[in-house]
Amino acid sequence: MRTANQIQSKMNELTLQRRSLMSRLAPLPQDSPQRASLDTQLSRLDDMILMLEWVLDAPVGKYHA
């Protein structure tokens, strides 16, 4: 099991990767073949960040216990 600090550190790392991807994506034309690949990577990063956020803020209660 990872600690909250390790999870937060990984989230920060992924957020930096996301910013880098966004800056590479911005100048590309809409119909660029590279854009599809970068969009896929961006979507995957967003999913990973969301999952880590969920782990940090895990739901509590009888249903989730």
C-alpha atoms as a PDB file:
ATOM      1  CA  MET A   1       0.000   0.000   0.000  1.00  0.00           C
ATOM      2  CA  ARG A   2       1.324   3.412  -0.934  1.00  0.00           C
ATOM      3  CA  THR A   3       1.385   6.336   1.466  1.00  0.00           C
ATOM      4  CA  ALA A   4      -0.555   9.517   0.796  1.00  0.00           C
ATOM      5  CA  ASN A   5       2.740  11.330   0.135  1.00  0.00           C
ATOM      6  CA  GLN A   6       3.763   8.772  -2.494  1.00  0.00           C
ATOM      7  CA  ILE A   7       0.386   9.056  -4.195  1.00  0.00           C
ATOM      8  CA  GLN A   8       0.533  12.847  -4.132  1.00  0.00           C
ATOM      9  CA  SER A   9       4.055  12.746  -5.550  1.00  0.00           C
ATOM     10  CA  LYS A  10       2.894  10.512  -8.413  1.00  0.00           C
ATOM     11  CA  MET A  11      -0.044  12.857  -9.064  1.00  0.00           C
ATOM     12  CA  ASN A  12       2.358  15.794  -9.274  1.00  0.00           C
ATOM     13  CA  GLU A  13       4.563  13.875 -11.703  1.00  0.00           C
ATOM     14  CA  LEU A  14       1.570  13.015 -13.903  1.00  0.00           C
ATOM     15  CA  THR A  15       0.345  16.605 -13.783  1.00  0.00           C
ATOM     16  CA  LEU A  16       3.730  17.798 -15.055  1.00  0.00           C
ATOM     17  CA  GLN A  17       3.560  15.225 -17.848  1.00  0.00           C
ATOM     18  CA  ARG A  18       0.054  16.469 -18.673  1.00  0.00           C
ATOM     19  CA  ARG A  19       1.243  20.082 -18.905  1.00  0.00           C
ATOM     20  CA  SER A  20       4.091  19.015 -21.168  1.00  0.00           C
ATOM     21  CA  LEU A  21       1.688  17.117 -23.412  1.00  0.00           C
ATOM     22  CA  MET A  22      -0.679  20.088 -23.542  1.00  0.00           C
ATOM     23  CA  SER A  23       2.147  22.396 -24.617  1.00  0.00           C
ATOM     24  CA  ARG A  24       3.136  19.923 -27.376  1.00  0.00           C
ATOM     25  CA  LEU A  25      -0.491  19.582 -28.442  1.00  0.00           C
ATOM     26  CA  ALA A  26      -1.331  23.301 -28.621  1.00  0.00           C
ATOM     27  CA  PRO A  27       0.624  24.254 -31.776  1.00  0.00           C
ATOM     28  CA  LEU A  28      -0.469  21.211 -33.784  1.00  0.00           C
ATOM     29  CA  PRO A  29      -3.163  21.652 -36.434  1.00  0.00           C
ATOM     30  CA  GLN A  30      -6.472  19.891 -35.782  1.00  0.00           C
ATOM     31  CA  ASP A  31      -5.939  17.349 -38.570  1.00  0.00           C
ATOM     32  CA  SER A  32      -2.362  16.443 -37.623  1.00  0.00           C
ATOM     33  CA  PRO A  33      -1.682  12.689 -37.294  1.00  0.00           C
ATOM     34  CA  GLN A  34       0.447  13.382 -34.202  1.00  0.00           C
ATOM     35  CA  ARG A  35      -2.535  15.004 -32.525  1.00  0.00           C
ATOM     36  CA  ALA A  36      -4.473  11.723 -32.270  1.00  0.00           C
ATOM     37  CA  SER A  37      -1.595  10.017 -30.487  1.00  0.00           C
ATOM     38  CA  LEU A  38      -1.108  12.924 -28.090  1.00  0.00           C
ATOM     39  CA  ASP A  39      -4.868  13.077 -27.406  1.00  0.00           C
ATOM     40  CA  THR A  40      -4.813   9.387 -26.499  1.00  0.00           C
ATOM     41  CA  GLN A  41      -1.874   9.918 -24.153  1.00  0.00           C
ATOM     42  CA  LEU A  42      -3.601  12.928 -22.609  1.00  0.00           C
ATOM     43  CA  SER A  43      -6.766  10.947 -22.012  1.00  0.00           C
ATOM     44  CA  ARG A  44      -4.780   8.154 -20.369  1.00  0.00           C
ATOM     45  CA  LEU A  45      -2.970  10.627 -18.107  1.00  0.00           C
ATOM     46  CA  ASP A  46      -6.273  12.228 -17.115  1.00  0.00           C
ATOM     47  CA  ASP A  47      -7.646   8.798 -16.186  1.00  0.00           C
ATOM     48  CA  MET A  48      -4.571   7.992 -14.117  1.00  0.00           C
ATOM     49  CA  ILE A  49      -4.734  11.316 -12.276  1.00  0.00           C
ATOM     50  CA  LEU A  50      -8.437  10.840 -11.598  1.00  0.00           C
ATOM     51  CA  MET A  51      -7.820   7.348 -10.230  1.00  0.00           C
ATOM     52  CA  LEU A  52      -5.115   8.625  -7.888  1.00  0.00           C
ATOM     53  CA  GLU A  53      -7.389  11.442  -6.710  1.00  0.00           C
ATOM     54  CA  TRP A  54     -10.033   8.838  -5.942  1.00  0.00           C
ATOM     55  CA  VAL A  55      -7.511   6.804  -3.944  1.00  0.00           C
ATOM     56  CA  LEU A  56      -6.600   9.855  -1.859  1.00  0.00           C
ATOM     57  CA  ASP A  57     -10.254  10.773  -1.296  1.00  0.00           C
ATOM     58  CA  ALA A  58     -11.627   7.243  -1.033  1.00  0.00           C
ATOM     59  CA  PRO A  59     -15.327   7.120  -0.264  1.00  0.00           C
ATOM     60  CA  VAL A  60     -16.334   6.002   3.199  1.00  0.00           C
ATOM     61  CA  GLY A  61     -19.500   4.526   4.601  1.00  0.00           C
ATOM     62  CA  LYS A  62     -21.297   1.221   4.907  1.00  0.00           C
ATOM     63  CA  TYR A  63     -21.594   0.750   1.149  1.00  0.00           C
ATOM     64  CA  HIS A  64     -17.817   1.121   0.630  1.00  0.00           C
ATOM     65  CA  ALA A  65     -16.655  -0.648   3.774  1.00  0.00           C
END
